[in-house]
Protein backbone atom coordinates (compact mmCIF):
# COMPACT_ATOMS: atom_id res chain seq x y z
CA MET A 1 100.58 30.32 103.26
CA GLU A 2 98.68 27.80 105.16
CA LEU A 3 95.44 28.96 106.62
CA ASN A 4 94.02 27.68 109.84
CA GLN A 5 90.34 26.59 110.06
CA GLU A 6 89.22 30.00 111.63
CA GLN A 7 91.09 31.97 108.89
CA LEU A 8 89.30 29.95 106.34
CA ALA A 9 85.93 30.34 108.02
CA ILE A 10 86.39 34.19 107.85
CA LEU A 11 87.31 34.13 104.23
CA ASN A 12 84.44 31.73 103.42
CA HIS A 13 81.88 33.79 105.49
CA THR A 14 83.03 37.01 103.78
CA ALA A 15 82.65 35.49 100.43
CA HIS A 16 79.30 33.68 100.78
CA ARG A 17 77.30 34.95 103.71
CA ALA A 18 78.41 38.36 104.84
CA ALA A 19 76.08 41.14 104.05
CA GLY A 20 77.48 43.11 100.98
CA GLY A 21 80.73 41.06 101.30
CA PHE A 22 81.73 42.95 104.45
CA TYR A 23 83.03 41.01 107.50
CA CYS A 24 82.47 42.88 110.79
CA GLY A 25 84.98 42.43 113.47
CA ASP A 26 88.82 42.30 114.19
CA SER A 27 90.75 39.47 115.70
CA PRO A 28 94.31 38.15 115.60
CA ASP A 29 93.35 35.83 112.69
CA MET A 30 91.82 38.68 110.82
CA GLN A 31 95.18 40.62 111.25
CA VAL A 32 97.13 37.71 109.73
CA LEU A 33 94.76 37.77 106.83
CA VAL A 34 95.20 41.51 106.40
CA ALA A 35 99.03 41.13 106.70
CA ALA A 36 99.01 38.60 103.99
CA GLY A 37 96.80 40.78 101.80
CA LEU A 38 93.97 38.45 101.73
CA MET A 39 91.55 40.88 103.52
CA VAL A 40 91.56 44.74 103.70
CA SER A 41 89.99 47.25 106.00
CA ALA A 42 86.68 48.76 104.60
CA GLY A 43 86.45 51.04 107.49
CA ARG A 44 83.76 51.65 110.15
CA LYS A 45 80.01 52.42 110.01
CA ALA A 46 78.62 55.06 112.30
CA PHE A 47 76.10 52.46 113.86
CA VAL A 48 78.74 49.85 114.56
CA LYS A 49 82.03 50.31 116.70
CA SER A 50 83.81 47.36 114.99
CA GLU A 51 85.80 47.62 111.82
CA TYR A 52 84.66 46.11 108.58
CA PHE A 53 86.84 44.00 106.21
CA ARG A 54 86.57 42.72 102.59
CA LEU A 55 88.20 40.20 100.63
CA THR A 56 90.94 41.06 98.04
CA GLY A 57 91.53 39.25 94.91
CA LYS A 58 94.28 37.29 96.66
CA GLY A 59 91.94 36.35 99.35
CA ARG A 60 89.28 34.94 96.76
CA ASP A 61 92.22 32.94 95.12
CA ALA A 62 93.33 31.44 98.46
CA LEU A 63 89.85 30.53 99.39
CA ARG A 64 89.27 28.96 95.92
CA ASN A 65 92.60 27.06 96.30
CA ALA A 66 91.79 25.99 99.91
CA ASN A 67 88.34 24.71 98.62
CA GLN A 68 90.37 22.57 95.95
CA GLY A 69 92.52 21.34 98.54
CA THR A 70 95.58 23.04 97.47
CA ALA A 71 96.10 25.89 99.67
CA LYS A 72 99.61 26.39 101.10
């Protein structure tokens, strides 16, 4: 799977900067990542309307491969 820049940014942010490893917010790019098994829903919090997502092992592998320049 070839990831676009926005999808890579979501994976990178979730892995390295998101509080607790949870990305807040849905988008068409997020749904592509979920459908590919790179991210999964982590549910909602009472204090935020948006859904949270987290990386899967497959998502971590895709990010690692992209950082090595071998993502497909």
